[in-house]
Amino acid sequence: MWNVIRWIGYTAGGYALRSAYNWLFEDVDPVPGTKEFTKEYRKTYAKYERLRRIDEAYRKYRKRSDKGSDTTN
């Protein structure tokens, strides 16, 4: 019985340790000039451009809709 409990403990500990290690090291930025850096940069820049276009469209819509609704009387 003790061996089963010990095996479960070591297995759970191994999974927890591996998950913590992966979580700690998976978000490290790649070295500039490598293929990984270029791929990550392009992906991030595309996301930035997409969000900026959405934000600009939203601001343009809000500016246009706020012109007709003057409630400061």
N, C-alpha and C. Protein backbone atom coordinates (compact mmCIF):
# COMPACT_ATOMS: atom_id res chain seq x y z
N MET A 1 0.83 -1.20 0.00
CA MET A 1 0.00 0.00 0.00
C MET A 1 0.88 1.27 0.00
N TRP A 2 1.93 1.23 0.78
CA TRP A 2 2.83 2.39 0.86
C TRP A 2 3.45 2.70 -0.50
N ASN A 3 3.79 1.65 -1.25
CA ASN A 3 4.39 1.85 -2.58
C ASN A 3 3.41 2.52 -3.54
N VAL A 4 2.15 2.19 -3.46
CA VAL A 4 1.14 2.81 -4.32
C VAL A 4 1.01 4.29 -3.98
N ILE A 5 0.95 4.61 -2.71
CA ILE A 5 0.84 6.03 -2.29
C ILE A 5 2.09 6.79 -2.73
N ARG A 6 3.25 6.18 -2.56
CA ARG A 6 4.49 6.83 -2.96
C ARG A 6 4.53 7.05 -4.48
N TRP A 7 4.08 6.05 -5.25
CA TRP A 7 4.06 6.17 -6.70
C TRP A 7 3.13 7.29 -7.14
N ILE A 8 1.95 7.37 -6.53
CA ILE A 8 1.02 8.45 -6.85
C ILE A 8 1.62 9.81 -6.49
N GLY A 9 2.27 9.89 -5.35
CA GLY A 9 2.90 11.14 -4.94
C GLY A 9 4.00 11.59 -5.88
N TYR A 10 4.86 10.67 -6.28
CA TYR A 10 5.92 11.01 -7.22
C TYR A 10 5.36 11.38 -8.59
N THR A 11 4.32 10.69 -9.02
CA THR A 11 3.71 10.99 -10.32
C THR A 11 3.08 12.37 -10.31
N ALA A 12 2.30 12.67 -9.27
CA ALA A 12 1.67 13.99 -9.16
C ALA A 12 2.73 15.08 -9.02
N GLY A 13 3.76 14.81 -8.25
CA GLY A 13 4.84 15.79 -8.09
C GLY A 13 5.57 16.04 -9.41
N GLY A 14 5.78 14.98 -10.18
CA GLY A 14 6.44 15.13 -11.48
C GLY A 14 5.62 15.96 -12.44
N TYR A 15 4.31 15.70 -12.47
CA TYR A 15 3.44 16.51 -13.34
C TYR A 15 3.44 17.97 -12.91
N ALA A 16 3.36 18.21 -11.60
CA ALA A 16 3.35 19.58 -11.10
C ALA A 16 4.67 20.29 -11.42
N LEU A 17 5.77 19.59 -11.23
CA LEU A 17 7.08 20.19 -11.50
C LEU A 17 7.25 20.47 -12.99
N ARG A 18 6.83 19.54 -13.84
CA ARG A 18 6.94 19.75 -15.28
C ARG A 18 6.06 20.91 -15.74
N SER A 19 4.85 20.99 -15.20
CA SER A 19 3.96 22.10 -15.56
C SER A 19 4.54 23.43 -15.11
N ALA A 20 5.09 23.48 -13.92
CA ALA A 20 5.69 24.72 -13.42
C ALA A 20 6.89 25.11 -14.28
N TYR A 21 7.72 24.13 -14.65
CA TYR A 21 8.89 24.42 -15.47
C TYR A 21 8.47 24.93 -16.84
N ASN A 22 7.47 24.28 -17.45
CA ASN A 22 7.00 24.72 -18.76
C ASN A 22 6.39 26.10 -18.68
N TRP A 23 5.63 26.37 -17.63
CA TRP A 23 5.02 27.68 -17.48
C TRP A 23 6.08 28.75 -17.31
N LEU A 24 7.14 28.42 -16.60
CA LEU A 24 8.19 29.40 -16.34
C LEU A 24 9.00 29.74 -17.59
N PHE A 25 9.26 28.74 -18.43
CA PHE A 25 10.16 28.95 -19.55
C PHE A 25 9.49 29.06 -20.91
N GLU A 26 8.18 28.88 -20.99
CA GLU A 26 7.55 28.94 -22.30
C GLU A 26 7.36 30.37 -22.81
N ASP A 27 7.36 31.35 -21.93
CA ASP A 27 7.09 32.73 -22.33
C ASP A 27 8.36 33.55 -22.48
N VAL A 28 9.50 32.91 -22.63
CA VAL A 28 10.76 33.62 -22.80
C VAL A 28 10.82 34.13 -24.23
N ASP A 29 11.16 35.39 -24.38
CA ASP A 29 11.24 35.97 -25.72
C ASP A 29 12.42 35.39 -26.48
N PRO A 30 12.24 35.12 -27.78
CA PRO A 30 13.35 34.59 -28.57
C PRO A 30 14.42 35.65 -28.82
N VAL A 31 15.58 35.18 -29.18
CA VAL A 31 16.72 36.07 -29.44
C VAL A 31 16.47 36.81 -30.75
N PRO A 32 16.65 38.14 -30.77
CA PRO A 32 16.46 38.89 -32.02
C PRO A 32 17.39 38.39 -33.12
N GLY A 33 16.86 38.34 -34.33
CA GLY A 33 17.63 37.89 -35.48
C GLY A 33 17.41 36.43 -35.83
N THR A 34 16.66 35.71 -35.00
CA THR A 34 16.40 34.30 -35.29
C THR A 34 15.06 34.16 -36.00
N LYS A 35 14.82 32.98 -36.56
CA LYS A 35 13.56 32.72 -37.25
C LYS A 35 12.38 32.81 -36.27
N GLU A 36 12.60 32.30 -35.05
CA GLU A 36 11.53 32.34 -34.05
C GLU A 36 11.15 33.78 -33.71
N PHE A 37 12.16 34.64 -33.60
CA PHE A 37 11.90 36.04 -33.29
C PHE A 37 11.10 36.70 -34.41
N THR A 38 11.50 36.44 -35.65
CA THR A 38 10.81 37.02 -36.80
C THR A 38 9.36 36.56 -36.85
N LYS A 39 9.14 35.28 -36.62
CA LYS A 39 7.79 34.74 -36.65
C LYS A 39 6.94 35.36 -35.53
N GLU A 40 7.50 35.45 -34.35
CA GLU A 40 6.77 36.04 -33.21
C GLU A 40 6.51 37.52 -33.45
N TYR A 41 7.49 38.22 -34.00
CA TYR A 41 7.34 39.65 -34.27
C TYR A 41 6.24 39.90 -35.29
N ARG A 42 6.25 39.12 -36.38
CA ARG A 42 5.22 39.29 -37.41
C ARG A 42 3.82 39.00 -36.87
N LYS A 43 3.71 37.97 -36.05
CA LYS A 43 2.42 37.62 -35.47
C LYS A 43 1.94 38.73 -34.53
N THR A 44 2.84 39.26 -33.71
CA THR A 44 2.47 40.32 -32.79
C THR A 44 2.14 41.60 -33.53
N TYR A 45 2.92 41.92 -34.57
CA TYR A 45 2.66 43.14 -35.33
C TYR A 45 1.34 43.06 -36.08
N ALA A 46 1.01 41.88 -36.61
CA ALA A 46 -0.28 41.70 -37.29
C ALA A 46 -1.43 41.89 -36.31
N LYS A 47 -1.27 41.38 -35.11
CA LYS A 47 -2.30 41.56 -34.08
C LYS A 47 -2.44 43.05 -33.73
N TYR A 48 -1.31 43.74 -33.60
CA TYR A 48 -1.33 45.17 -33.31
C TYR A 48 -2.05 45.95 -34.41
N GLU A 49 -1.72 45.65 -35.66
CA GLU A 49 -2.35 46.34 -36.79
C GLU A 49 -3.86 46.09 -36.81
N ARG A 50 -4.26 44.84 -36.57
CA ARG A 50 -5.69 44.50 -36.58
C ARG A 50 -6.42 45.25 -35.46
N LEU A 51 -5.84 45.26 -34.27
CA LEU A 51 -6.48 45.96 -33.15
C LEU A 51 -6.51 47.47 -33.38
N ARG A 52 -5.47 48.01 -34.01
CA ARG A 52 -5.44 49.44 -34.30
C ARG A 52 -6.52 49.83 -35.31
N ARG A 53 -6.71 49.00 -36.34
CA ARG A 53 -7.76 49.28 -37.32
C ARG A 53 -9.14 49.23 -36.66
N ILE A 54 -9.35 48.26 -35.79
CA ILE A 54 -10.64 48.15 -35.08
C ILE A 54 -10.85 49.37 -34.20
N ASP A 55 -9.79 49.80 -33.50
CA ASP A 55 -9.89 50.96 -32.62
C ASP A 55 -10.16 52.23 -33.42
N GLU A 56 -9.47 52.39 -34.54
CA GLU A 56 -9.69 53.59 -35.36
C GLU A 56 -11.11 53.62 -35.90
N ALA A 57 -11.62 52.49 -36.33
CA ALA A 57 -13.00 52.43 -36.83
C ALA A 57 -13.98 52.76 -35.71
N TYR A 58 -13.72 52.26 -34.52
CA TYR A 58 -14.59 52.55 -33.38
C TYR A 58 -14.57 54.04 -33.03
N ARG A 59 -13.36 54.63 -33.00
CA ARG A 59 -13.26 56.05 -32.67
C ARG A 59 -13.93 56.91 -33.74
N LYS A 60 -13.78 56.53 -35.00
CA LYS A 60 -14.42 57.27 -36.09
C LYS A 60 -15.94 57.19 -35.96
N TYR A 61 -16.45 56.03 -35.66
CA TYR A 61 -17.89 55.85 -35.47
C TYR A 61 -18.38 56.67 -34.28
N ARG A 62 -17.63 56.62 -33.17
CA ARG A 62 -18.05 57.37 -31.97
C ARG A 62 -18.02 58.88 -32.22
N LYS A 63 -17.01 59.36 -32.93
CA LYS A 63 -16.90 60.78 -33.22
C LYS A 63 -18.08 61.22 -34.10
N ARG A 64 -18.41 60.40 -35.09
CA ARG A 64 -19.51 60.73 -35.99
C ARG A 64 -20.85 60.70 -35.24
N SER A 65 -21.05 59.72 -34.37
CA SER A 65 -22.33 59.61 -33.67
C SER A 65 -22.45 60.63 -32.54
N ASP A 66 -21.32 61.07 -31.99
CA ASP A 66 -21.38 62.06 -30.91
C ASP A 66 -21.65 63.47 -31.41
N LYS A 67 -21.38 63.73 -32.68
CA LYS A 67 -21.62 65.08 -33.22
C LYS A 67 -23.09 65.44 -33.20
N GLY A 68 -23.96 64.50 -33.47
CA GLY A 68 -25.38 64.77 -33.55
C GLY A 68 -26.08 64.73 -32.21
N SER A 69 -25.41 64.29 -31.16
CA SER A 69 -26.09 64.16 -29.86
C SER A 69 -25.49 65.12 -28.85
N ASP A 70 -25.83 66.38 -28.97
CA ASP A 70 -25.35 67.39 -28.04
C ASP A 70 -26.32 67.47 -26.87
N THR A 71 -25.91 67.02 -25.70
CA THR A 71 -26.78 67.00 -24.52
C THR A 71 -26.33 67.97 -23.46
N THR A 72 -25.60 69.03 -23.83
CA THR A 72 -25.08 69.96 -22.84
C THR A 72 -26.03 71.14 -22.62
N ASN A 73 -27.23 71.11 -23.16
CA ASN A 73 -28.15 72.24 -23.02
C ASN A 73 -28.56 72.41 -21.61
